Every structure is written in C-alpha cells, then in structure tokens.
C-alpha cells in the first residue's frame, strides 16, 4: 500500500508521529502485526480527510482496542 503520493508532507509527518506515539505506549508496540493494524487505521482516518495529529493518534488508539486484548 503506497501512500507517499496520496498525502502531503505534513499529513505524512503527522501519520508517522501518530504511529510512533501510539505504539510506544504499549508493550507489544514494536511488533509488526500491531504496527500494521495501527497504521491501517491511521491511513483510513487520513483518507477521510482528518489529518491532524490528534485525529490520527485517536484513530491509532482505537485500533489498539481490538489488538491488545487478543494478544494475551
């Protein structure tokens, strides 16, 4: 899934920061499966036009609601 051409540089920067912020807060945040799930939600949020850091971070956190419990 290539996203570089789909978003401006500010949106891409916010997306990367949001991914890092969300994943650094959880024990399994370095795992590819978790980061991929969070990233998909962040991309979905950005595609809907919401590209602020707050919106993107919130979208990433919502993805964890489904991920973290299933990893136990």
PDB file of N, CA and C in Angstrom:
ATOM      1  N   UNK A   1       0.848  -1.166   0.000  1.00  0.00           N
ATOM      2  CA  UNK A   1       0.000   0.000   0.000  1.00  0.00           C
ATOM      3  C   UNK A   1       0.901   1.240   0.000  1.00  0.00           C
ATOM      4  N   UNK A   2       1.001   1.892  -1.132  1.00  0.00           N
ATOM      5  CA  UNK A   2       1.812   3.099  -1.238  1.00  0.00           C
ATOM      6  C   UNK A   2       0.975   4.314  -0.865  1.00  0.00           C
ATOM      7  N   UNK A   3       1.508   5.128   0.025  1.00  0.00           N
ATOM      8  CA  UNK A   3       0.750   6.298   0.465  1.00  0.00           C
ATOM      9  C   UNK A   3       1.481   7.606   0.214  1.00  0.00           C
ATOM     10  N   UNK A   4       2.744   7.531  -0.215  1.00  0.00           N
ATOM     11  CA  UNK A   4       3.534   8.746  -0.372  1.00  0.00           C
ATOM     12  C   UNK A   4       2.867   9.768  -1.285  1.00  0.00           C
ATOM     13  N   UNK A   5       2.326   9.362  -2.411  1.00  0.00           N
ATOM     14  CA  UNK A   5       1.715  10.283  -3.347  1.00  0.00           C
ATOM     15  C   UNK A   5       0.305  10.704  -2.977  1.00  0.00           C
ATOM     16  N   UNK A   6      -0.286  10.031  -2.011  1.00  0.00           N
ATOM     17  CA  UNK A   6      -1.675  10.303  -1.659  1.00  0.00           C
ATOM     18  C   UNK A   6      -1.834  11.444  -0.645  1.00  0.00           C
ATOM     19  N   UNK A   7      -0.767  11.784   0.062  1.00  0.00           N
ATOM     20  CA  UNK A   7      -0.857  12.777   1.131  1.00  0.00           C
ATOM     21  C   UNK A   7       0.279  13.786   1.023  1.00  0.00           C
ATOM     22  N   UNK A   8       0.038  14.989   1.534  1.00  0.00           N
ATOM     23  CA  UNK A   8       1.105  15.990   1.536  1.00  0.00           C
ATOM     24  C   UNK A   8       2.108  15.670   2.646  1.00  0.00           C
ATOM     25  N   UNK A   9       3.214  16.393   2.638  1.00  0.00           N
ATOM     26  CA  UNK A   9       4.299  16.088   3.574  1.00  0.00           C
ATOM     27  C   UNK A   9       3.884  16.288   5.038  1.00  0.00           C
ATOM     28  N   UNK A  10       3.047  17.265   5.309  1.00  0.00           N
ATOM     29  CA  UNK A  10       2.585  17.483   6.685  1.00  0.00           C
ATOM     30  C   UNK A  10       1.729  16.317   7.169  1.00  0.00           C
ATOM     31  N   UNK A  11       0.824  15.847   6.332  1.00  0.00           N
ATOM     32  CA  UNK A  11      -0.025  14.712   6.704  1.00  0.00           C
ATOM     33  C   UNK A  11       0.829  13.468   6.941  1.00  0.00           C
ATOM     34  N   UNK A  12       1.795  13.222   6.062  1.00  0.00           N
ATOM     35  CA  UNK A  12       2.680  12.060   6.232  1.00  0.00           C
ATOM     36  C   UNK A  12       3.471  12.153   7.529  1.00  0.00           C
ATOM     37  N   UNK A  13       3.958  13.338   7.841  1.00  0.00           N
ATOM     38  CA  UNK A  13       4.701  13.514   9.092  1.00  0.00           C
ATOM     39  C   UNK A  13       3.796  13.242  10.292  1.00  0.00           C
ATOM     40  N   UNK A  14       2.586  13.774  10.256  1.00  0.00           N
ATOM     41  CA  UNK A  14       1.638  13.528  11.347  1.00  0.00           C
ATOM     42  C   UNK A  14       1.295  12.052  11.471  1.00  0.00           C
ATOM     43  N   UNK A  15       1.169  11.381  10.351  1.00  0.00           N
ATOM     44  CA  UNK A  15       0.857   9.947  10.368  1.00  0.00           C
ATOM     45  C   UNK A  15       1.991   9.156  11.023  1.00  0.00           C
ATOM     46  N   UNK A  16       3.222   9.481  10.682  1.00  0.00           N
ATOM     47  CA  UNK A  16       4.371   8.792  11.276  1.00  0.00           C
ATOM     48  C   UNK A  16       4.479   9.057  12.775  1.00  0.00           C
ATOM     49  N   UNK A  17       4.277  10.303  13.167  1.00  0.00           N
ATOM     50  CA  UNK A  17       4.337  10.651  14.586  1.00  0.00           C
ATOM     51  C   UNK A  17       3.236   9.932  15.350  1.00  0.00           C
ATOM     52  N   UNK A  18       2.023   9.919  14.795  1.00  0.00           N
ATOM     53  CA  UNK A  18       0.901   9.250  15.456  1.00  0.00           C
ATOM     54  C   UNK A  18       1.189   7.760  15.631  1.00  0.00           C
ATOM     55  N   UNK A  19       1.722   7.121  14.606  1.00  0.00           N
ATOM     56  CA  UNK A  19       2.050   5.694  14.691  1.00  0.00           C
ATOM     57  C   UNK A  19       3.059   5.450  15.811  1.00  0.00           C
ATOM     58  N   UNK A  20       4.105   6.252  15.852  1.00  0.00           N
ATOM     59  CA  UNK A  20       5.121   6.087  16.890  1.00  0.00           C
ATOM     60  C   UNK A  20       4.554   6.346  18.282  1.00  0.00           C
ATOM     61  N   UNK A  21       3.771   7.395  18.423  1.00  0.00           N
ATOM     62  CA  UNK A  21       3.194   7.726  19.738  1.00  0.00           C
ATOM     63  C   UNK A  21       2.294   6.621  20.255  1.00  0.00           C
ATOM     64  N   UNK A  22       1.467   6.093  19.388  1.00  0.00           N
ATOM     65  CA  UNK A  22       0.535   5.055  19.815  1.00  0.00           C
ATOM     66  C   UNK A  22       1.292   3.778  20.164  1.00  0.00           C
ATOM     67  N   UNK A  23       2.212   3.372  19.313  1.00  0.00           N
ATOM     68  CA  UNK A  23       2.897   2.094  19.509  1.00  0.00           C
ATOM     69  C   UNK A  23       3.895   2.116  20.662  1.00  0.00           C
ATOM     70  N   UNK A  24       4.460   3.276  20.984  1.00  0.00           N
ATOM     71  CA  UNK A  24       5.414   3.325  22.086  1.00  0.00           C
ATOM     72  C   UNK A  24       4.734   3.201  23.448  1.00  0.00           C
ATOM     73  N   UNK A  25       3.435   3.354  23.490  1.00  0.00           N
ATOM     74  CA  UNK A  25       2.702   3.321  24.754  1.00  0.00           C
ATOM     75  C   UNK A  25       2.295   1.915  25.190  1.00  0.00           C
ATOM     76  N   UNK A  26       2.498   0.924  24.315  1.00  0.00           N
ATOM     77  CA  UNK A  26       2.056  -0.426  24.665  1.00  0.00           C
ATOM     78  C   UNK A  26       3.223  -1.400  24.626  1.00  0.00           C
ATOM     79  N   UNK A  27       3.093  -2.476  25.355  1.00  0.00           N
ATOM     80  CA  UNK A  27       4.171  -3.460  25.481  1.00  0.00           C
ATOM     81  C   UNK A  27       4.524  -4.112  24.147  1.00  0.00           C
ATOM     82  N   UNK A  28       3.554  -4.395  23.315  1.00  0.00           N
ATOM     83  CA  UNK A  28       3.795  -5.086  22.044  1.00  0.00           C
ATOM     84  C   UNK A  28       3.854  -4.132  20.856  1.00  0.00           C
ATOM     85  N   UNK A  29       4.085  -2.875  21.109  1.00  0.00           N
ATOM     86  CA  UNK A  29       4.057  -1.863  20.066  1.00  0.00           C
ATOM     87  C   UNK A  29       5.123  -1.990  19.003  1.00  0.00           C
ATOM     88  N   UNK A  30       6.182  -2.723  19.282  1.00  0.00           N
ATOM     89  CA  UNK A  30       7.234  -2.904  18.286  1.00  0.00           C
ATOM     90  C   UNK A  30       6.932  -4.050  17.323  1.00  0.00           C
ATOM     91  N   UNK A  31       5.932  -4.845  17.626  1.00  0.00           N
ATOM     92  CA  UNK A  31       5.590  -5.989  16.771  1.00  0.00           C
ATOM     93  C   UNK A  31       4.937  -5.529  15.475  1.00  0.00           C
ATOM     94  N   UNK A  32       5.363  -6.156  14.390  1.00  0.00           N
ATOM     95  CA  UNK A  32       4.874  -5.779  13.059  1.00  0.00           C
ATOM     96  C   UNK A  32       3.349  -5.851  12.972  1.00  0.00           C
ATOM     97  N   UNK A  33       2.764  -6.900  13.507  1.00  0.00           N
ATOM     98  CA  UNK A  33       1.311  -7.082  13.431  1.00  0.00           C
ATOM     99  C   UNK A  33       0.575  -5.908  14.087  1.00  0.00           C
ATOM    100  N   UNK A  34       1.077  -5.472  15.209  1.00  0.00           N
ATOM    101  CA  UNK A  34       0.435  -4.367  15.934  1.00  0.00           C
ATOM    102  C   UNK A  34       0.611  -3.066  15.154  1.00  0.00           C
ATOM    103  N   UNK A  35       1.834  -2.787  14.722  1.00  0.00           N
ATOM    104  CA  UNK A  35       2.101  -1.545  13.985  1.00  0.00           C
ATOM    105  C   UNK A  35       1.295  -1.487  12.687  1.00  0.00           C
ATOM    106  N   UNK A  36       1.165  -2.626  12.032  1.00  0.00           N
ATOM    107  CA  UNK A  36       0.400  -2.677  10.788  1.00  0.00           C
ATOM    108  C   UNK A  36      -1.070  -2.354  11.047  1.00  0.00           C
ATOM    109  N   UNK A  37      -1.619  -2.918  12.096  1.00  0.00           N
ATOM    110  CA  UNK A  37      -3.027  -2.674  12.439  1.00  0.00           C
ATOM    111  C   UNK A  37      -3.265  -1.200  12.759  1.00  0.00           C
ATOM    112  N   UNK A  38      -2.371  -0.627  13.554  1.00  0.00           N
ATOM    113  CA  UNK A  38      -2.478   0.785  13.919  1.00  0.00           C
ATOM    114  C   UNK A  38      -2.334   1.656  12.668  1.00  0.00           C
ATOM    115  N   UNK A  39      -1.350   1.336  11.842  1.00  0.00           N
ATOM    116  CA  UNK A  39      -1.102   2.115  10.622  1.00  0.00           C
ATOM    117  C   UNK A  39      -2.314   2.101   9.697  1.00  0.00           C
ATOM    118  N   UNK A  40      -2.956   0.964   9.567  1.00  0.00           N
ATOM    119  CA  UNK A  40      -4.137   0.881   8.696  1.00  0.00           C
ATOM    120  C   UNK A  40      -5.233   1.833   9.170  1.00  0.00           C
ATOM    121  N   UNK A  41      -5.436   1.912  10.462  1.00  0.00           N
ATOM    122  CA  UNK A  41      -6.462   2.815  10.986  1.00  0.00           C
ATOM    123  C   UNK A  41      -6.073   4.273  10.797  1.00  0.00           C
ATOM    124  N   UNK A  42      -4.793   4.550  10.949  1.00  0.00           N
ATOM    125  CA  UNK A  42      -4.308   5.919  10.737  1.00  0.00           C
ATOM    126  C   UNK A  42      -4.489   6.314   9.272  1.00  0.00           C
ATOM    127  N   UNK A  43      -4.166   5.422   8.364  1.00  0.00           N
ATOM    128  CA  UNK A  43      -4.334   5.697   6.929  1.00  0.00           C
ATOM    129  C   UNK A  43      -5.808   5.898   6.592  1.00  0.00           C
ATOM    130  N   UNK A  44      -6.651   5.062   7.146  1.00  0.00           N
ATOM    131  CA  UNK A  44      -8.099   5.186   6.910  1.00  0.00           C
ATOM    132  C   UNK A  44      -8.595   6.563   7.380  1.00  0.00           C
ATOM    133  N   UNK A  45      -8.127   6.995   8.525  1.00  0.00           N
ATOM    134  CA  UNK A  45      -8.503   8.307   9.059  1.00  0.00           C
ATOM    135  C   UNK A  45      -8.027   9.420   8.119  1.00  0.00           C
ATOM    136  N   UNK A  46      -6.778   9.326   7.689  1.00  0.00           N
ATOM    137  CA  UNK A  46      -6.217  10.355   6.801  1.00  0.00           C
ATOM    138  C   UNK A  46      -6.960  10.396   5.468  1.00  0.00           C
ATOM    139  N   UNK A  47      -7.326   9.250   4.949  1.00  0.00           N
ATOM    140  CA  UNK A  47      -8.063   9.214   3.677  1.00  0.00           C
ATOM    141  C   UNK A  47      -9.436   9.859   3.798  1.00  0.00           C
ATOM    142  N   UNK A  48      -9.968   9.889   5.007  1.00  0.00           N
ATOM    143  CA  UNK A  48     -11.274  10.533   5.207  1.00  0.00           C
ATOM    144  C   UNK A  48     -11.126  12.049   5.318  1.00  0.00           C
ATOM    145  N   UNK A  49      -9.886  12.529   5.277  1.00  0.00           N
ATOM    146  CA  UNK A  49      -9.650  13.963   5.329  1.00  0.00           C
ATOM    147  C   UNK A  49      -9.218  14.489   6.678  1.00  0.00           C
ATOM    148  N   UNK A  50      -9.197  13.631   7.682  1.00  0.00           N
ATOM    149  CA  UNK A  50      -8.789  14.058   9.025  1.00  0.00           C
ATOM    150  C   UNK A  50      -7.303  13.759   9.187  1.00  0.00           C
ATOM    151  N   UNK A  51      -6.471  14.798   9.078  1.00  0.00           N
ATOM    152  CA  UNK A  51      -5.030  14.591   9.090  1.00  0.00           C
ATOM    153  C   UNK A  51      -4.315  15.330  10.219  1.00  0.00           C
ATOM    154  N   UNK A  52      -5.066  15.840  11.192  1.00  0.00           N
ATOM    155  CA  UNK A  52      -4.392  16.466  12.328  1.00  0.00           C
ATOM    156  C   UNK A  52      -3.756  15.374  13.182  1.00  0.00           C
ATOM    157  N   UNK A  53      -2.725  15.744  13.903  1.00  0.00           N
ATOM    158  CA  UNK A  53      -2.046  14.777  14.752  1.00  0.00           C
ATOM    159  C   UNK A  53      -3.002  14.175  15.775  1.00  0.00           C
ATOM    160  N   UNK A  54      -3.874  14.983  16.321  1.00  0.00           N
ATOM    161  CA  UNK A  54      -4.845  14.496  17.301  1.00  0.00           C
ATOM    162  C   UNK A  54      -5.799  13.469  16.716  1.00  0.00           C
ATOM    163  N   UNK A  55      -6.336  13.755  15.540  1.00  0.00           N
ATOM    164  CA  UNK A  55      -7.261  12.813  14.892  1.00  0.00           C
ATOM    165  C   UNK A  55      -6.566  11.508  14.542  1.00  0.00           C
ATOM    166  N   UNK A  56      -5.360  11.603  14.008  1.00  0.00           N
ATOM    167  CA  UNK A  56      -4.629  10.407  13.601  1.00  0.00           C
ATOM    168  C   UNK A  56      -4.216   9.561  14.805  1.00  0.00           C
ATOM    169  N   UNK A  57      -3.813  10.210  15.879  1.00  0.00           N
ATOM    170  CA  UNK A  57      -3.441   9.482  17.096  1.00  0.00           C
ATOM    171  C   UNK A  57      -4.656   8.786  17.695  1.00  0.00           C
ATOM    172  N   UNK A  58      -5.775   9.468  17.712  1.00  0.00           N
ATOM    173  CA  UNK A  58      -7.004   8.860  18.229  1.00  0.00           C
ATOM    174  C   UNK A  58      -7.408   7.651  17.398  1.00  0.00           C
ATOM    175  N   UNK A  59      -7.266   7.747  16.090  1.00  0.00           N
ATOM    176  CA  UNK A  59      -7.592   6.610  15.218  1.00  0.00           C
ATOM    177  C   UNK A  59      -6.678   5.434  15.518  1.00  0.00           C
ATOM    178  N   UNK A  60      -5.398   5.713  15.715  1.00  0.00           N
ATOM    179  CA  UNK A  60      -4.459   4.640  16.050  1.00  0.00           C
ATOM    180  C   UNK A  60      -4.790   3.989  17.373  1.00  0.00           C
ATOM    181  N   UNK A  61      -5.179   4.776  18.340  1.00  0.00           N
ATOM    182  CA  UNK A  61      -5.561   4.217  19.650  1.00  0.00           C
ATOM    183  C   UNK A  61      -6.802   3.346  19.553  1.00  0.00           C
ATOM    184  N   UNK A  62      -7.727   3.739  18.709  1.00  0.00           N
ATOM    185  CA  UNK A  62      -8.932   2.917  18.526  1.00  0.00           C
ATOM    186  C   UNK A  62      -8.569   1.535  17.972  1.00  0.00           C
ATOM    187  N   UNK A  63      -7.550   1.473  17.139  1.00  0.00           N
ATOM    188  CA  UNK A  63      -7.114   0.186  16.589  1.00  0.00           C
ATOM    189  C   UNK A  63      -6.607  -0.723  17.689  1.00  0.00           C
ATOM    190  N   UNK A  64      -6.029  -0.163  18.750  1.00  0.00           N
ATOM    191  CA  UNK A  64      -5.495  -0.971  19.844  1.00  0.00           C
ATOM    192  C   UNK A  64      -6.581  -1.622  20.682  1.00  0.00           C
ATOM    193  N   UNK A  65      -7.746  -1.035  20.692  1.00  0.00           N
ATOM    194  CA  UNK A  65      -8.843  -1.616  21.451  1.00  0.00           C
ATOM    195  C   UNK A  65      -9.096  -3.041  21.006  1.00  0.00           C
ATOM    196  N   UNK A  66      -8.924  -3.292  19.713  1.00  0.00           N
ATOM    197  CA  UNK A  66      -9.138  -4.622  19.159  1.00  0.00           C
ATOM    198  C   UNK A  66      -7.885  -5.478  19.200  1.00  0.00           C
ATOM    199  N   UNK A  67      -6.710  -4.888  19.188  1.00  0.00           N
ATOM    200  CA  UNK A  67      -5.463  -5.642  19.098  1.00  0.00           C
ATOM    201  C   UNK A  67      -4.984  -6.168  20.431  1.00  0.00           C
ATOM    202  N   UNK A  68      -4.885  -5.293  21.421  1.00  0.00           N
ATOM    203  CA  UNK A  68      -4.249  -5.649  22.687  1.00  0.00           C
ATOM    204  C   UNK A  68      -4.922  -6.819  23.396  1.00  0.00           C
ATOM    205  N   UNK A  69      -6.253  -6.847  23.556  1.00  0.00           N
ATOM    206  CA  UNK A  69      -6.852  -7.975  24.256  1.00  0.00           C
ATOM    207  C   UNK A  69      -6.594  -9.323  23.566  1.00  0.00           C
ATOM    208  N   UNK A  70      -6.522  -9.351  22.260  1.00  0.00           N
ATOM    209  CA  UNK A  70      -6.342 -10.614  21.558  1.00  0.00           C
ATOM    210  C   UNK A  70      -4.905 -11.131  21.635  1.00  0.00           C
ATOM    211  N   UNK A  71      -3.976 -10.315  22.112  1.00  0.00           N
ATOM    212  CA  UNK A  71      -2.583 -10.713  22.166  1.00  0.00           C
ATOM    213  C   UNK A  71      -2.227 -11.394  23.480  1.00  0.00           C
ATOM    214  N   UNK A  72      -3.117 -11.448  24.399  1.00  0.00           N
ATOM    215  CA  UNK A  72      -2.833 -12.073  25.707  1.00  0.00           C
ATOM    216  C   UNK A  72      -2.920 -13.574  25.624  1.00  0.00           C
TER     217      UNK A  72
END
